[in-house]
Amino acid sequence: MAYGDSPQSVVKEVKVKKKVPKGSHRMPDGKIMKDSAMKKKKQSPLKLDLKEGTFTRMAKDKGYGSNVQKFAKDIMKFKDKGSLPNGQKITKLMVKKANFVVVSKNWDK
């Protein structure tokens, strides 16, 4: 084609995309595949942080209900004695957790 000649008409093939039926998906190459044909990944067991909420559970078990701050203050007050007023033993880990609760109360929200 020389300069100034009229361009030839170019016909492009237009692919009509089929609607993807429910329970299927479109593959990268354009094919439609049923979801049930996909390999299932093995699901790992539910990962929980078993240490989350332990201080609250401890407060409930010791008879403080949901009043975690009071429980923490009592632990800090009686840590040198070694036991709470109700006779429960105070461990080093309880003191660490109680200290964290007391300090975190003053954090900005």
N, C-alpha and C. Protein backbone atom coordinates (compact mmCIF):
# COMPACT_ATOMS: atom_id res chain seq x y z
N MET A 1 0.86 -1.16 0.00
CA MET A 1 0.00 0.00 0.00
C MET A 1 0.90 1.22 0.00
N ALA A 2 0.63 2.08 -0.89
CA ALA A 2 1.44 3.28 -1.03
C ALA A 2 0.83 4.40 -0.22
N TYR A 3 1.60 5.45 -0.07
CA TYR A 3 1.13 6.59 0.68
C TYR A 3 -0.05 7.24 -0.04
N GLY A 4 -1.12 7.47 0.73
CA GLY A 4 -2.28 8.12 0.15
C GLY A 4 -3.34 7.16 -0.35
N ASP A 5 -3.01 5.87 -0.51
CA ASP A 5 -4.02 4.90 -0.92
C ASP A 5 -5.00 4.67 0.23
N SER A 6 -6.16 4.22 -0.13
CA SER A 6 -7.15 3.94 0.91
C SER A 6 -6.77 2.66 1.65
N PRO A 7 -6.94 2.65 2.96
CA PRO A 7 -6.57 1.46 3.73
C PRO A 7 -7.54 0.32 3.46
N GLN A 8 -6.99 -0.86 3.52
CA GLN A 8 -7.85 -2.03 3.33
C GLN A 8 -8.64 -2.24 4.61
N SER A 9 -9.81 -2.76 4.46
CA SER A 9 -10.63 -3.02 5.64
C SER A 9 -10.11 -4.27 6.34
N VAL A 10 -9.88 -4.12 7.60
CA VAL A 10 -9.37 -5.24 8.40
C VAL A 10 -10.50 -5.72 9.28
N VAL A 11 -10.79 -6.99 9.20
CA VAL A 11 -11.85 -7.58 10.02
C VAL A 11 -11.19 -8.32 11.16
N LYS A 12 -11.53 -7.92 12.36
CA LYS A 12 -10.99 -8.58 13.54
C LYS A 12 -12.00 -9.61 14.01
N GLU A 13 -11.48 -10.71 14.47
CA GLU A 13 -12.36 -11.72 15.03
C GLU A 13 -12.68 -11.30 16.46
N VAL A 14 -13.92 -11.24 16.76
CA VAL A 14 -14.35 -10.88 18.10
C VAL A 14 -14.82 -12.15 18.77
N LYS A 15 -14.15 -12.49 19.86
CA LYS A 15 -14.55 -13.67 20.60
C LYS A 15 -15.67 -13.27 21.55
N VAL A 16 -16.74 -14.01 21.47
CA VAL A 16 -17.85 -13.77 22.37
C VAL A 16 -17.59 -14.61 23.62
N LYS A 17 -17.41 -13.91 24.72
CA LYS A 17 -17.14 -14.62 25.96
C LYS A 17 -18.44 -15.15 26.54
N LYS A 18 -18.41 -16.44 26.82
CA LYS A 18 -19.57 -17.06 27.43
C LYS A 18 -19.63 -16.62 28.89
N LYS A 19 -20.82 -16.55 29.39
CA LYS A 19 -21.00 -16.25 30.79
C LYS A 19 -20.53 -17.45 31.60
N VAL A 20 -19.82 -17.20 32.66
CA VAL A 20 -19.31 -18.29 33.49
C VAL A 20 -20.43 -18.78 34.39
N PRO A 21 -20.78 -20.06 34.29
CA PRO A 21 -21.86 -20.57 35.13
C PRO A 21 -21.45 -20.62 36.59
N LYS A 22 -22.45 -20.65 37.45
CA LYS A 22 -22.21 -20.70 38.88
C LYS A 22 -21.49 -22.01 39.21
N GLY A 23 -20.49 -21.93 40.08
CA GLY A 23 -19.73 -23.11 40.45
C GLY A 23 -18.59 -23.39 39.50
N SER A 24 -18.27 -22.45 38.63
CA SER A 24 -17.17 -22.60 37.67
C SER A 24 -16.35 -21.32 37.65
N HIS A 25 -15.21 -21.39 36.98
CA HIS A 25 -14.37 -20.21 36.83
C HIS A 25 -13.66 -20.27 35.48
N ARG A 26 -13.18 -19.13 35.03
CA ARG A 26 -12.50 -19.04 33.75
C ARG A 26 -10.99 -19.18 33.99
N MET A 27 -10.37 -20.06 33.24
CA MET A 27 -8.92 -20.28 33.31
C MET A 27 -8.22 -19.17 32.52
N PRO A 28 -6.92 -18.96 32.74
CA PRO A 28 -6.19 -17.92 32.01
C PRO A 28 -6.23 -18.09 30.48
N ASP A 29 -6.33 -19.32 30.02
CA ASP A 29 -6.37 -19.53 28.57
C ASP A 29 -7.78 -19.36 27.99
N GLY A 30 -8.75 -19.03 28.82
CA GLY A 30 -10.11 -18.76 28.35
C GLY A 30 -11.08 -19.90 28.54
N LYS A 31 -10.60 -21.09 28.89
CA LYS A 31 -11.50 -22.23 29.09
C LYS A 31 -12.27 -22.05 30.38
N ILE A 32 -13.42 -22.70 30.44
CA ILE A 32 -14.23 -22.67 31.65
C ILE A 32 -14.04 -24.00 32.37
N MET A 33 -13.77 -23.92 33.67
CA MET A 33 -13.50 -25.12 34.44
C MET A 33 -14.38 -25.14 35.67
N LYS A 34 -14.89 -26.32 36.01
CA LYS A 34 -15.73 -26.45 37.20
C LYS A 34 -14.85 -26.33 38.44
N ASP A 35 -15.38 -25.70 39.47
CA ASP A 35 -14.64 -25.54 40.71
C ASP A 35 -14.35 -26.89 41.37
N SER A 36 -15.26 -27.85 41.19
CA SER A 36 -15.08 -29.15 41.81
C SER A 36 -13.91 -29.92 41.20
N ALA A 37 -13.46 -29.53 40.00
CA ALA A 37 -12.33 -30.21 39.35
C ALA A 37 -10.99 -29.71 39.88
N MET A 38 -11.00 -28.63 40.64
CA MET A 38 -9.75 -28.09 41.20
C MET A 38 -9.28 -28.97 42.34
N LYS A 39 -7.95 -29.06 42.49
CA LYS A 39 -7.41 -29.80 43.62
C LYS A 39 -7.62 -28.97 44.87
N LYS A 40 -8.05 -29.62 45.90
CA LYS A 40 -8.28 -28.94 47.16
C LYS A 40 -6.97 -28.84 47.93
N LYS A 41 -6.71 -27.68 48.50
CA LYS A 41 -5.54 -27.50 49.35
C LYS A 41 -5.86 -28.11 50.71
N LYS A 42 -4.85 -28.71 51.31
CA LYS A 42 -5.05 -29.23 52.65
C LYS A 42 -5.14 -28.05 53.60
N GLN A 43 -6.18 -28.05 54.38
CA GLN A 43 -6.33 -26.96 55.33
C GLN A 43 -5.55 -27.28 56.59
N SER A 44 -4.78 -26.32 57.04
CA SER A 44 -4.03 -26.52 58.26
C SER A 44 -4.99 -26.37 59.44
N PRO A 45 -4.66 -27.00 60.55
CA PRO A 45 -5.54 -26.86 61.70
C PRO A 45 -5.63 -25.41 62.12
N LEU A 46 -6.70 -25.07 62.76
CA LEU A 46 -6.94 -23.70 63.19
C LEU A 46 -5.82 -23.23 64.10
N LYS A 47 -5.20 -22.11 63.74
CA LYS A 47 -4.10 -21.60 64.54
C LYS A 47 -4.64 -20.59 65.53
N LEU A 48 -4.53 -20.92 66.79
CA LEU A 48 -4.97 -20.02 67.84
C LEU A 48 -3.78 -19.66 68.71
N ASP A 49 -3.78 -18.45 69.18
CA ASP A 49 -2.77 -18.05 70.13
C ASP A 49 -3.32 -18.40 71.51
N LEU A 50 -2.83 -19.47 72.08
CA LEU A 50 -3.37 -19.95 73.35
C LEU A 50 -3.04 -19.02 74.51
N LYS A 51 -2.11 -18.09 74.31
CA LYS A 51 -1.75 -17.19 75.39
C LYS A 51 -2.60 -15.93 75.39
N GLU A 52 -3.38 -15.73 74.34
CA GLU A 52 -4.22 -14.53 74.28
C GLU A 52 -5.40 -14.69 75.23
N GLY A 53 -5.59 -13.74 76.10
CA GLY A 53 -6.70 -13.76 77.04
C GLY A 53 -6.44 -14.57 78.29
N THR A 54 -5.19 -14.99 78.53
CA THR A 54 -4.92 -15.81 79.71
C THR A 54 -5.08 -15.03 81.00
N PHE A 55 -4.71 -13.76 80.99
CA PHE A 55 -4.81 -12.98 82.22
C PHE A 55 -6.28 -12.75 82.58
N THR A 56 -7.11 -12.52 81.56
CA THR A 56 -8.54 -12.34 81.81
C THR A 56 -9.14 -13.63 82.36
N ARG A 57 -8.74 -14.76 81.76
CA ARG A 57 -9.23 -16.06 82.26
C ARG A 57 -8.77 -16.29 83.69
N MET A 58 -7.52 -15.90 83.97
CA MET A 58 -6.98 -16.06 85.31
C MET A 58 -7.78 -15.23 86.31
N ALA A 59 -8.12 -13.99 85.92
CA ALA A 59 -8.89 -13.12 86.80
C ALA A 59 -10.26 -13.72 87.09
N LYS A 60 -10.89 -14.28 86.07
CA LYS A 60 -12.21 -14.91 86.27
C LYS A 60 -12.10 -16.12 87.18
N ASP A 61 -11.05 -16.92 87.01
CA ASP A 61 -10.86 -18.12 87.83
C ASP A 61 -10.61 -17.77 89.30
N LYS A 62 -9.94 -16.67 89.54
CA LYS A 62 -9.59 -16.28 90.92
C LYS A 62 -10.72 -15.52 91.61
N GLY A 63 -11.81 -15.30 90.92
CA GLY A 63 -12.96 -14.67 91.55
C GLY A 63 -13.06 -13.17 91.35
N TYR A 64 -12.35 -12.61 90.38
CA TYR A 64 -12.40 -11.18 90.13
C TYR A 64 -13.36 -10.83 88.99
N GLY A 65 -13.98 -11.81 88.41
CA GLY A 65 -14.89 -11.55 87.30
C GLY A 65 -14.15 -10.97 86.12
N SER A 66 -14.70 -9.93 85.54
CA SER A 66 -14.03 -9.31 84.39
C SER A 66 -13.23 -8.07 84.81
N ASN A 67 -13.02 -7.88 86.11
CA ASN A 67 -12.28 -6.72 86.62
C ASN A 67 -10.78 -7.03 86.62
N VAL A 68 -10.17 -6.94 85.45
CA VAL A 68 -8.76 -7.30 85.27
C VAL A 68 -7.85 -6.30 85.97
N GLN A 69 -8.21 -5.02 85.96
CA GLN A 69 -7.37 -4.00 86.59
C GLN A 69 -7.25 -4.24 88.10
N LYS A 70 -8.34 -4.58 88.75
CA LYS A 70 -8.31 -4.84 90.20
C LYS A 70 -7.45 -6.06 90.49
N PHE A 71 -7.59 -7.08 89.66
CA PHE A 71 -6.78 -8.29 89.81
C PHE A 71 -5.29 -7.96 89.66
N ALA A 72 -4.95 -7.15 88.68
CA ALA A 72 -3.56 -6.78 88.46
C ALA A 72 -3.02 -5.96 89.63
N LYS A 73 -3.83 -5.02 90.12
CA LYS A 73 -3.37 -4.20 91.25
C LYS A 73 -3.15 -5.06 92.50
N ASP A 74 -4.05 -6.02 92.74
CA ASP A 74 -3.88 -6.91 93.89
C ASP A 74 -2.62 -7.76 93.76
N ILE A 75 -2.33 -8.23 92.57
CA ILE A 75 -1.12 -9.01 92.36
C ILE A 75 0.11 -8.16 92.66
N MET A 76 0.12 -6.92 92.15
CA MET A 76 1.26 -6.05 92.38
C MET A 76 1.40 -5.68 93.86
N LYS A 77 0.26 -5.55 94.54
CA LYS A 77 0.28 -5.19 95.96
C LYS A 77 0.79 -6.33 96.83
N PHE A 78 0.37 -7.58 96.52
CA PHE A 78 0.70 -8.71 97.37
C PHE A 78 1.80 -9.61 96.80
N LYS A 79 2.54 -9.12 95.80
CA LYS A 79 3.56 -9.98 95.19
C LYS A 79 4.68 -10.33 96.16
N ASP A 80 5.00 -9.44 97.11
CA ASP A 80 6.06 -9.74 98.08
C ASP A 80 5.61 -10.79 99.09
N LYS A 81 4.31 -10.81 99.39
CA LYS A 81 3.76 -11.83 100.29
C LYS A 81 3.79 -13.21 99.66
N GLY A 82 3.51 -13.24 98.34
CA GLY A 82 3.53 -14.52 97.64
C GLY A 82 2.17 -15.13 97.40
N SER A 83 1.12 -14.50 97.97
CA SER A 83 -0.23 -15.03 97.74
C SER A 83 -1.25 -13.90 97.79
N LEU A 84 -2.35 -14.12 97.11
CA LEU A 84 -3.45 -13.15 97.10
C LEU A 84 -4.23 -13.24 98.40
N PRO A 85 -5.11 -12.27 98.70
CA PRO A 85 -5.90 -12.33 99.93
C PRO A 85 -6.78 -13.59 100.02
N ASN A 86 -7.17 -14.14 98.88
CA ASN A 86 -8.01 -15.35 98.92
C ASN A 86 -7.17 -16.62 99.00
N GLY A 87 -5.84 -16.49 99.17
CA GLY A 87 -4.97 -17.65 99.37
C GLY A 87 -4.34 -18.20 98.11
N GLN A 88 -4.63 -17.63 96.96
CA GLN A 88 -4.06 -18.11 95.71
C GLN A 88 -2.60 -17.69 95.60
N LYS A 89 -1.75 -18.61 95.12
CA LYS A 89 -0.32 -18.34 95.00
C LYS A 89 -0.05 -17.39 93.82
N ILE A 90 0.90 -16.48 93.99
CA ILE A 90 1.29 -15.55 92.93
C ILE A 90 2.61 -16.02 92.33
N THR A 91 2.63 -16.25 91.02
CA THR A 91 3.84 -16.69 90.33
C THR A 91 4.53 -15.51 89.65
N LYS A 92 5.77 -15.74 89.19
CA LYS A 92 6.52 -14.68 88.50
C LYS A 92 5.82 -14.29 87.20
N LEU A 93 5.26 -15.27 86.51
CA LEU A 93 4.56 -15.00 85.26
C LEU A 93 3.32 -14.14 85.51
N MET A 94 2.61 -14.40 86.60
CA MET A 94 1.45 -13.57 86.95
C MET A 94 1.88 -12.13 87.20
N VAL A 95 3.02 -11.95 87.84
CA VAL A 95 3.53 -10.60 88.13
C VAL A 95 3.87 -9.89 86.83
N LYS A 96 4.50 -10.61 85.88
CA LYS A 96 4.83 -10.01 84.59
C LYS A 96 3.57 -9.55 83.85
N LYS A 97 2.58 -10.42 83.82
CA LYS A 97 1.34 -10.10 83.12
C LYS A 97 0.61 -8.95 83.81
N ALA A 98 0.61 -8.96 85.14
CA ALA A 98 -0.06 -7.90 85.89
C ALA A 98 0.64 -6.56 85.66
N ASN A 99 1.95 -6.58 85.62
CA ASN A 99 2.70 -5.34 85.35
C ASN A 99 2.34 -4.80 83.98
N PHE A 100 2.22 -5.68 83.00
CA PHE A 100 1.85 -5.25 81.66
C PHE A 100 0.46 -4.61 81.66
N VAL A 101 -0.48 -5.20 82.39
CA VAL A 101 -1.84 -4.66 82.45
C VAL A 101 -1.84 -3.28 83.10
N VAL A 102 -1.10 -3.13 84.18
CA VAL A 102 -1.06 -1.85 84.89
C VAL A 102 -0.43 -0.77 84.01
N VAL A 103 0.67 -1.10 83.32
CA VAL A 103 1.36 -0.13 82.48
C VAL A 103 0.52 0.22 81.26
N SER A 104 -0.12 -0.77 80.66
CA SER A 104 -0.88 -0.52 79.43
C SER A 104 -2.15 0.30 79.68
N LYS A 105 -2.58 0.40 80.91
CA LYS A 105 -3.75 1.21 81.23
C LYS A 105 -3.50 2.68 80.88
N ASN A 106 -2.25 3.11 80.98
CA ASN A 106 -1.91 4.51 80.76
C ASN A 106 -1.60 4.84 79.29
N TRP A 107 -1.64 3.86 78.42
CA TRP A 107 -1.36 4.11 77.01
C TRP A 107 -2.49 4.94 76.40
N ASP A 108 -2.13 5.78 75.43
CA ASP A 108 -3.14 6.57 74.73
C ASP A 108 -3.92 5.65 73.81
N LYS A 109 -5.19 5.90 73.73
CA LYS A 109 -6.04 5.07 72.86
C LYS A 109 -6.21 5.72 71.53
